[in-house]
Amino acid sequence: MKHIGLIVLLLTTTLLAACEQKPYKPPVPHTEPDKSATKLFEPQREALDKAKGVGKTVEQASQELKEATEKATGN
């Protein structure tokens, strides 16, 4: 009788362990990239381009001033 109880206990334990549920992993949705994300840094790029343009203008004015100064002093 003791062996039958032990066998039933082992079988029950084995069945419960085999039927254990795996952790649920929700499916990952497949979404297309947001088009507004591509324009994320657009204002910064525009400001940088504008700053580069101003830098060229200042450089050109500096060069013209230098040439005018050299012409006026006769060097």
PDB file of N, CA and C in Angstrom:
ATOM      1  N   MET A   1       0.805  -1.188   0.000  1.00  0.00           N
ATOM      2  CA  MET A   1       0.000   0.000   0.000  1.00  0.00           C
ATOM      3  C   MET A   1       0.858   1.265   0.000  1.00  0.00           C
ATOM      4  N   LYS A   2       1.967   1.208   0.715  1.00  0.00           N
ATOM      5  CA  LYS A   2       2.821   2.380   0.776  1.00  0.00           C
ATOM      6  C   LYS A   2       3.389   2.708  -0.600  1.00  0.00           C
ATOM      7  N   HIS A   3       3.647   1.723  -1.393  1.00  0.00           N
ATOM      8  CA  HIS A   3       4.232   1.929  -2.715  1.00  0.00           C
ATOM      9  C   HIS A   3       3.221   2.569  -3.655  1.00  0.00           C
ATOM     10  N   ILE A   4       1.958   2.202  -3.519  1.00  0.00           N
ATOM     11  CA  ILE A   4       0.924   2.763  -4.381  1.00  0.00           C
ATOM     12  C   ILE A   4       0.767   4.265  -4.078  1.00  0.00           C
ATOM     13  N   GLY A   5       0.764   4.642  -2.835  1.00  0.00           N
ATOM     14  CA  GLY A   5       0.656   6.059  -2.447  1.00  0.00           C
ATOM     15  C   GLY A   5       1.840   6.869  -2.942  1.00  0.00           C
ATOM     16  N   LEU A   6       3.020   6.273  -2.855  1.00  0.00           N
ATOM     17  CA  LEU A   6       4.227   6.950  -3.319  1.00  0.00           C
ATOM     18  C   LEU A   6       4.203   7.117  -4.835  1.00  0.00           C
ATOM     19  N   ILE A   7       3.763   6.092  -5.549  1.00  0.00           N
ATOM     20  CA  ILE A   7       3.675   6.148  -7.011  1.00  0.00           C
ATOM     21  C   ILE A   7       2.663   7.213  -7.438  1.00  0.00           C
ATOM     22  N   VAL A   8       1.500   7.259  -6.764  1.00  0.00           N
ATOM     23  CA  VAL A   8       0.477   8.256  -7.086  1.00  0.00           C
ATOM     24  C   VAL A   8       1.022   9.661  -6.826  1.00  0.00           C
ATOM     25  N   LEU A   9       1.718   9.835  -5.727  1.00  0.00           N
ATOM     26  CA  LEU A   9       2.294  11.130  -5.399  1.00  0.00           C
ATOM     27  C   LEU A   9       3.324  11.555  -6.449  1.00  0.00           C
ATOM     28  N   LEU A  10       4.197  10.650  -6.864  1.00  0.00           N
ATOM     29  CA  LEU A  10       5.201  10.957  -7.878  1.00  0.00           C
ATOM     30  C   LEU A  10       4.560  11.276  -9.226  1.00  0.00           C
ATOM     31  N   LEU A  11       3.542  10.512  -9.614  1.00  0.00           N
ATOM     32  CA  LEU A  11       2.849  10.768 -10.876  1.00  0.00           C
ATOM     33  C   LEU A  11       2.143  12.129 -10.853  1.00  0.00           C
ATOM     34  N   THR A  12       1.506  12.429  -9.753  1.00  0.00           N
ATOM     35  CA  THR A  12       0.808  13.708  -9.630  1.00  0.00           C
ATOM     36  C   THR A  12       1.789  14.866  -9.713  1.00  0.00           C
ATOM     37  N   THR A  13       2.896  14.728  -9.007  1.00  0.00           N
ATOM     38  CA  THR A  13       3.917  15.776  -9.033  1.00  0.00           C
ATOM     39  C   THR A  13       4.486  15.945 -10.434  1.00  0.00           C
ATOM     40  N   THR A  14       4.744  14.844 -11.115  1.00  0.00           N
ATOM     41  CA  THR A  14       5.280  14.894 -12.476  1.00  0.00           C
ATOM     42  C   THR A  14       4.290  15.566 -13.425  1.00  0.00           C
ATOM     43  N   LEU A  15       3.022  15.198 -13.331  1.00  0.00           N
ATOM     44  CA  LEU A  15       2.009  15.789 -14.202  1.00  0.00           C
ATOM     45  C   LEU A  15       1.850  17.282 -13.946  1.00  0.00           C
ATOM     46  N   LEU A  16       1.867  17.677 -12.686  1.00  0.00           N
ATOM     47  CA  LEU A  16       1.738  19.101 -12.383  1.00  0.00           C
ATOM     48  C   LEU A  16       2.949  19.894 -12.878  1.00  0.00           C
ATOM     49  N   ALA A  17       4.109  19.325 -12.768  1.00  0.00           N
ATOM     50  CA  ALA A  17       5.313  20.009 -13.235  1.00  0.00           C
ATOM     51  C   ALA A  17       5.328  20.104 -14.754  1.00  0.00           C
ATOM     52  N   ALA A  18       4.817  19.084 -15.436  1.00  0.00           N
ATOM     53  CA  ALA A  18       4.795  19.080 -16.894  1.00  0.00           C
ATOM     54  C   ALA A  18       3.753  20.050 -17.436  1.00  0.00           C
ATOM     55  N   CYS A  19       2.714  20.317 -16.686  1.00  0.00           N
ATOM     56  CA  CYS A  19       1.640  21.192 -17.147  1.00  0.00           C
ATOM     57  C   CYS A  19       1.838  22.644 -16.723  1.00  0.00           C
ATOM     58  N   GLU A  20       2.998  22.980 -16.227  1.00  0.00           N
ATOM     59  CA  GLU A  20       3.247  24.333 -15.772  1.00  0.00           C
ATOM     60  C   GLU A  20       3.159  25.301 -16.954  1.00  0.00           C
ATOM     61  N   GLN A  21       2.487  26.415 -16.744  1.00  0.00           N
ATOM     62  CA  GLN A  21       2.333  27.394 -17.814  1.00  0.00           C
ATOM     63  C   GLN A  21       3.615  28.197 -17.984  1.00  0.00           C
ATOM     64  N   LYS A  22       3.910  28.481 -19.219  1.00  0.00           N
ATOM     65  CA  LYS A  22       5.054  29.307 -19.542  1.00  0.00           C
ATOM     66  C   LYS A  22       4.635  30.773 -19.372  1.00  0.00           C
ATOM     67  N   PRO A  23       5.570  31.661 -19.059  1.00  0.00           N
ATOM     68  CA  PRO A  23       5.210  33.080 -18.932  1.00  0.00           C
ATOM     69  C   PRO A  23       4.675  33.614 -20.255  1.00  0.00           C
ATOM     70  N   TYR A  24       3.668  34.453 -20.173  1.00  0.00           N
ATOM     71  CA  TYR A  24       3.036  35.004 -21.361  1.00  0.00           C
ATOM     72  C   TYR A  24       3.884  36.131 -21.936  1.00  0.00           C
ATOM     73  N   LYS A  25       4.163  36.044 -23.217  1.00  0.00           N
ATOM     74  CA  LYS A  25       4.877  37.100 -23.920  1.00  0.00           C
ATOM     75  C   LYS A  25       3.911  37.691 -24.933  1.00  0.00           C
ATOM     76  N   PRO A  26       3.521  38.945 -24.744  1.00  0.00           N
ATOM     77  CA  PRO A  26       2.601  39.543 -25.703  1.00  0.00           C
ATOM     78  C   PRO A  26       3.281  39.702 -27.058  1.00  0.00           C
ATOM     79  N   PRO A  27       2.532  39.556 -28.137  1.00  0.00           N
ATOM     80  CA  PRO A  27       3.148  39.707 -29.459  1.00  0.00           C
ATOM     81  C   PRO A  27       3.595  41.149 -29.695  1.00  0.00           C
ATOM     82  N   VAL A  28       4.705  41.294 -30.373  1.00  0.00           N
ATOM     83  CA  VAL A  28       5.238  42.616 -30.671  1.00  0.00           C
ATOM     84  C   VAL A  28       4.541  43.131 -31.921  1.00  0.00           C
ATOM     85  N   PRO A  29       3.850  44.264 -31.817  1.00  0.00           N
ATOM     86  CA  PRO A  29       3.152  44.771 -33.005  1.00  0.00           C
ATOM     87  C   PRO A  29       4.137  45.303 -34.034  1.00  0.00           C
ATOM     88  N   HIS A  30       3.861  45.047 -35.286  1.00  0.00           N
ATOM     89  CA  HIS A  30       4.703  45.535 -36.375  1.00  0.00           C
ATOM     90  C   HIS A  30       4.107  46.840 -36.869  1.00  0.00           C
ATOM     91  N   THR A  31       4.799  47.928 -36.583  1.00  0.00           N
ATOM     92  CA  THR A  31       4.308  49.231 -37.000  1.00  0.00           C
ATOM     93  C   THR A  31       5.320  49.878 -37.922  1.00  0.00           C
ATOM     94  N   GLU A  32       4.827  50.715 -38.793  1.00  0.00           N
ATOM     95  CA  GLU A  32       5.714  51.447 -39.679  1.00  0.00           C
ATOM     96  C   GLU A  32       6.258  52.659 -38.930  1.00  0.00           C
ATOM     97  N   PRO A  33       7.454  53.091 -39.273  1.00  0.00           N
ATOM     98  CA  PRO A  33       8.032  54.241 -38.572  1.00  0.00           C
ATOM     99  C   PRO A  33       7.179  55.490 -38.781  1.00  0.00           C
ATOM    100  N   ASP A  34       7.110  56.290 -37.753  1.00  0.00           N
ATOM    101  CA  ASP A  34       6.339  57.518 -37.792  1.00  0.00           C
ATOM    102  C   ASP A  34       7.066  58.531 -38.675  1.00  0.00           C
ATOM    103  N   LYS A  35       6.359  59.095 -39.637  1.00  0.00           N
ATOM    104  CA  LYS A  35       6.995  60.031 -40.561  1.00  0.00           C
ATOM    105  C   LYS A  35       7.388  61.329 -39.872  1.00  0.00           C
ATOM    106  N   SER A  36       6.726  61.678 -38.775  1.00  0.00           N
ATOM    107  CA  SER A  36       7.110  62.892 -38.058  1.00  0.00           C
ATOM    108  C   SER A  36       8.446  62.708 -37.339  1.00  0.00           C
ATOM    109  N   ALA A  37       8.835  61.464 -37.092  1.00  0.00           N
ATOM    110  CA  ALA A  37      10.115  61.210 -36.427  1.00  0.00           C
ATOM    111  C   ALA A  37      11.280  61.570 -37.336  1.00  0.00           C
ATOM    112  N   THR A  38      11.107  61.488 -38.657  1.00  0.00           N
ATOM    113  CA  THR A  38      12.198  61.825 -39.566  1.00  0.00           C
ATOM    114  C   THR A  38      12.447  63.322 -39.576  1.00  0.00           C
ATOM    115  N   LYS A  39      11.463  64.107 -39.171  1.00  0.00           N
ATOM    116  CA  LYS A  39      11.615  65.559 -39.134  1.00  0.00           C
ATOM    117  C   LYS A  39      11.959  66.042 -37.727  1.00  0.00           C
ATOM    118  N   LEU A  40      12.461  65.150 -36.923  1.00  0.00           N
ATOM    119  CA  LEU A  40      12.729  65.451 -35.523  1.00  0.00           C
ATOM    120  C   LEU A  40      13.742  66.582 -35.368  1.00  0.00           C
ATOM    121  N   PHE A  41      14.810  66.558 -36.140  1.00  0.00           N
ATOM    122  CA  PHE A  41      15.877  67.535 -35.997  1.00  0.00           C
ATOM    123  C   PHE A  41      15.842  68.586 -37.100  1.00  0.00           C
ATOM    124  N   GLU A  42      14.751  68.664 -37.825  1.00  0.00           N
ATOM    125  CA  GLU A  42      14.658  69.618 -38.933  1.00  0.00           C
ATOM    126  C   GLU A  42      14.866  71.070 -38.485  1.00  0.00           C
ATOM    127  N   PRO A  43      14.254  71.533 -37.392  1.00  0.00           N
ATOM    128  CA  PRO A  43      14.503  72.925 -36.973  1.00  0.00           C
ATOM    129  C   PRO A  43      15.974  73.189 -36.640  1.00  0.00           C
ATOM    130  N   GLN A  44      16.640  72.214 -36.041  1.00  0.00           N
ATOM    131  CA  GLN A  44      18.050  72.396 -35.714  1.00  0.00           C
ATOM    132  C   GLN A  44      18.898  72.454 -36.989  1.00  0.00           C
ATOM    133  N   ARG A  45      18.544  71.631 -37.977  1.00  0.00           N
ATOM    134  CA  ARG A  45      19.291  71.646 -39.242  1.00  0.00           C
ATOM    135  C   ARG A  45      19.117  72.981 -39.946  1.00  0.00           C
ATOM    136  N   GLU A  46      17.887  73.502 -39.939  1.00  0.00           N
ATOM    137  CA  GLU A  46      17.633  74.791 -40.574  1.00  0.00           C
ATOM    138  C   GLU A  46      18.417  75.900 -39.880  1.00  0.00           C
ATOM    139  N   ALA A  47      18.449  75.878 -38.559  1.00  0.00           N
ATOM    140  CA  ALA A  47      19.194  76.891 -37.815  1.00  0.00           C
ATOM    141  C   ALA A  47      20.690  76.787 -38.115  1.00  0.00           C
ATOM    142  N   LEU A  48      21.202  75.563 -38.236  1.00  0.00           N
ATOM    143  CA  LEU A  48      22.616  75.372 -38.539  1.00  0.00           C
ATOM    144  C   LEU A  48      22.944  75.899 -39.929  1.00  0.00           C
ATOM    145  N   ASP A  49      22.089  75.607 -40.899  1.00  0.00           N
ATOM    146  CA  ASP A  49      22.312  76.107 -42.257  1.00  0.00           C
ATOM    147  C   ASP A  49      22.275  77.634 -42.293  1.00  0.00           C
ATOM    148  N   LYS A  50      21.349  78.215 -41.547  1.00  0.00           N
ATOM    149  CA  LYS A  50      21.248  79.669 -41.483  1.00  0.00           C
ATOM    150  C   LYS A  50      22.507  80.266 -40.861  1.00  0.00           C
ATOM    151  N   ALA A  51      23.004  79.635 -39.809  1.00  0.00           N
ATOM    152  CA  ALA A  51      24.217  80.111 -39.148  1.00  0.00           C
ATOM    153  C   ALA A  51      25.424  80.010 -40.085  1.00  0.00           C
ATOM    154  N   LYS A  52      25.477  78.955 -40.873  1.00  0.00           N
ATOM    155  CA  LYS A  52      26.577  78.824 -41.834  1.00  0.00           C
ATOM    156  C   LYS A  52      26.518  79.939 -42.874  1.00  0.00           C
ATOM    157  N   GLY A  53      25.303  80.268 -43.309  1.00  0.00           N
ATOM    158  CA  GLY A  53      25.144  81.358 -44.264  1.00  0.00           C
ATOM    159  C   GLY A  53      25.579  82.688 -43.684  1.00  0.00           C
ATOM    160  N   VAL A  54      25.228  82.944 -42.440  1.00  0.00           N
ATOM    161  CA  VAL A  54      25.642  84.182 -41.775  1.00  0.00           C
ATOM    162  C   VAL A  54      27.154  84.200 -41.618  1.00  0.00           C
ATOM    163  N   GLY A  55      27.739  83.067 -41.307  1.00  0.00           N
ATOM    164  CA  GLY A  55      29.193  82.987 -41.165  1.00  0.00           C
ATOM    165  C   GLY A  55      29.906  83.336 -42.466  1.00  0.00           C
ATOM    166  N   LYS A  56      29.367  82.859 -43.585  1.00  0.00           N
ATOM    167  CA  LYS A  56      29.970  83.187 -44.883  1.00  0.00           C
ATOM    168  C   LYS A  56      29.855  84.676 -45.178  1.00  0.00           C
ATOM    169  N   THR A  57      28.712  85.261 -44.829  1.00  0.00           N
ATOM    170  CA  THR A  57      28.505  86.691 -45.058  1.00  0.00           C
ATOM    171  C   THR A  57      29.483  87.517 -44.227  1.00  0.00           C
ATOM    172  N   VAL A  58      29.661  87.162 -42.971  1.00  0.00           N
ATOM    173  CA  VAL A  58      30.595  87.879 -42.095  1.00  0.00           C
ATOM    174  C   VAL A  58      32.020  87.732 -42.610  1.00  0.00           C
ATOM    175  N   GLU A  59      32.362  86.536 -43.061  1.00  0.00           N
ATOM    176  CA  GLU A  59      33.707  86.300 -43.584  1.00  0.00           C
ATOM    177  C   GLU A  59      33.960  87.145 -44.828  1.00  0.00           C
ATOM    178  N   GLN A  60      32.953  87.221 -45.698  1.00  0.00           N
ATOM    179  CA  GLN A  60      33.094  88.011 -46.916  1.00  0.00           C
ATOM    180  C   GLN A  60      33.236  89.502 -46.575  1.00  0.00           C
ATOM    181  N   ALA A  61      32.428  89.996 -45.629  1.00  0.00           N
ATOM    182  CA  ALA A  61      32.514  91.400 -45.226  1.00  0.00           C
ATOM    183  C   ALA A  61      33.866  91.697 -44.603  1.00  0.00           C
ATOM    184  N   SER A  62      34.394  90.777 -43.836  1.00  0.00           N
ATOM    185  CA  SER A  62      35.703  90.953 -43.213  1.00  0.00           C
ATOM    186  C   SER A  62      36.788  91.042 -44.279  1.00  0.00           C
ATOM    187  N   GLN A  63      36.685  90.194 -45.275  1.00  0.00           N
ATOM    188  CA  GLN A  63      37.675  90.199 -46.357  1.00  0.00           C
ATOM    189  C   GLN A  63      37.614  91.517 -47.122  1.00  0.00           C
ATOM    190  N   GLU A  64      36.395  92.005 -47.392  1.00  0.00           N
ATOM    191  CA  GLU A  64      36.247  93.274 -48.110  1.00  0.00           C
ATOM    192  C   GLU A  64      36.809  94.438 -47.286  1.00  0.00           C
ATOM    193  N   LEU A  65      36.566  94.432 -45.984  1.00  0.00           N
ATOM    194  CA  LEU A  65      37.084  95.479 -45.102  1.00  0.00           C
ATOM    195  C   LEU A  65      38.607  95.449 -45.069  1.00  0.00           C
ATOM    196  N   LYS A  66      39.163  94.254 -45.033  1.00  0.00           N
ATOM    197  CA  LYS A  66      40.623  94.116 -45.016  1.00  0.00           C
ATOM    198  C   LYS A  66      41.213  94.666 -46.308  1.00  0.00           C
ATOM    199  N   GLU A  67      40.593  94.350 -47.439  1.00  0.00           N
ATOM    200  CA  GLU A  67      41.084  94.838 -48.735  1.00  0.00           C
ATOM    201  C   GLU A  67      40.966  96.357 -48.818  1.00  0.00           C
ATOM    202  N   ALA A  68      39.857  96.902 -48.315  1.00  0.00           N
ATOM    203  CA  ALA A  68      39.670  98.352 -48.351  1.00  0.00           C
ATOM    204  C   ALA A  68      40.688  99.047 -47.459  1.00  0.00           C
ATOM    205  N   THR A  69      40.999  98.449 -46.311  1.00  0.00           N
ATOM    206  CA  THR A  69      41.975  99.026 -45.398  1.00  0.00           C
ATOM    207  C   THR A  69      43.363  99.007 -46.030  1.00  0.00           C
ATOM    208  N   GLU A  70      43.723  97.912 -46.659  1.00  0.00           N
ATOM    209  CA  GLU A  70      45.021  97.808 -47.303  1.00  0.00           C
ATOM    210  C   GLU A  70      45.138  98.823 -48.461  1.00  0.00           C
ATOM    211  N   LYS A  71      44.035  98.998 -49.179  1.00  0.00           N
ATOM    212  CA  LYS A  71      44.045  99.935 -50.291  1.00  0.00           C
ATOM    213  C   LYS A  71      44.179 101.374 -49.787  1.00  0.00           C
ATOM    214  N   ALA A  72      43.510 101.669 -48.667  1.00  0.00           N
ATOM    215  CA  ALA A  72      43.548 103.030 -48.131  1.00  0.00           C
ATOM    216  C   ALA A  72      44.916 103.360 -47.526  1.00  0.00           C
ATOM    217  N   THR A  73      45.551 102.394 -46.915  1.00  0.00           N
ATOM    218  CA  THR A  73      46.848 102.662 -46.286  1.00  0.00           C
ATOM    219  C   THR A  73      47.998 102.545 -47.282  1.00  0.00           C
ATOM    220  N   GLY A  74      47.721 101.951 -48.431  1.00  0.00           N
ATOM    221  CA  GLY A  74      48.742 101.861 -49.456  1.00  0.00           C
ATOM    222  C   GLY A  74      49.676 100.674 -49.295  1.00  0.00           C
ATOM    223  N   ASN A  75      49.338  99.668 -48.542  1.00  0.00           N
ATOM    224  CA  ASN A  75      50.196  98.486 -48.363  1.00  0.00           C
ATOM    225  C   ASN A  75      49.947  97.501 -49.434  1.00  0.00           C
TER     226      ASN A  75
END
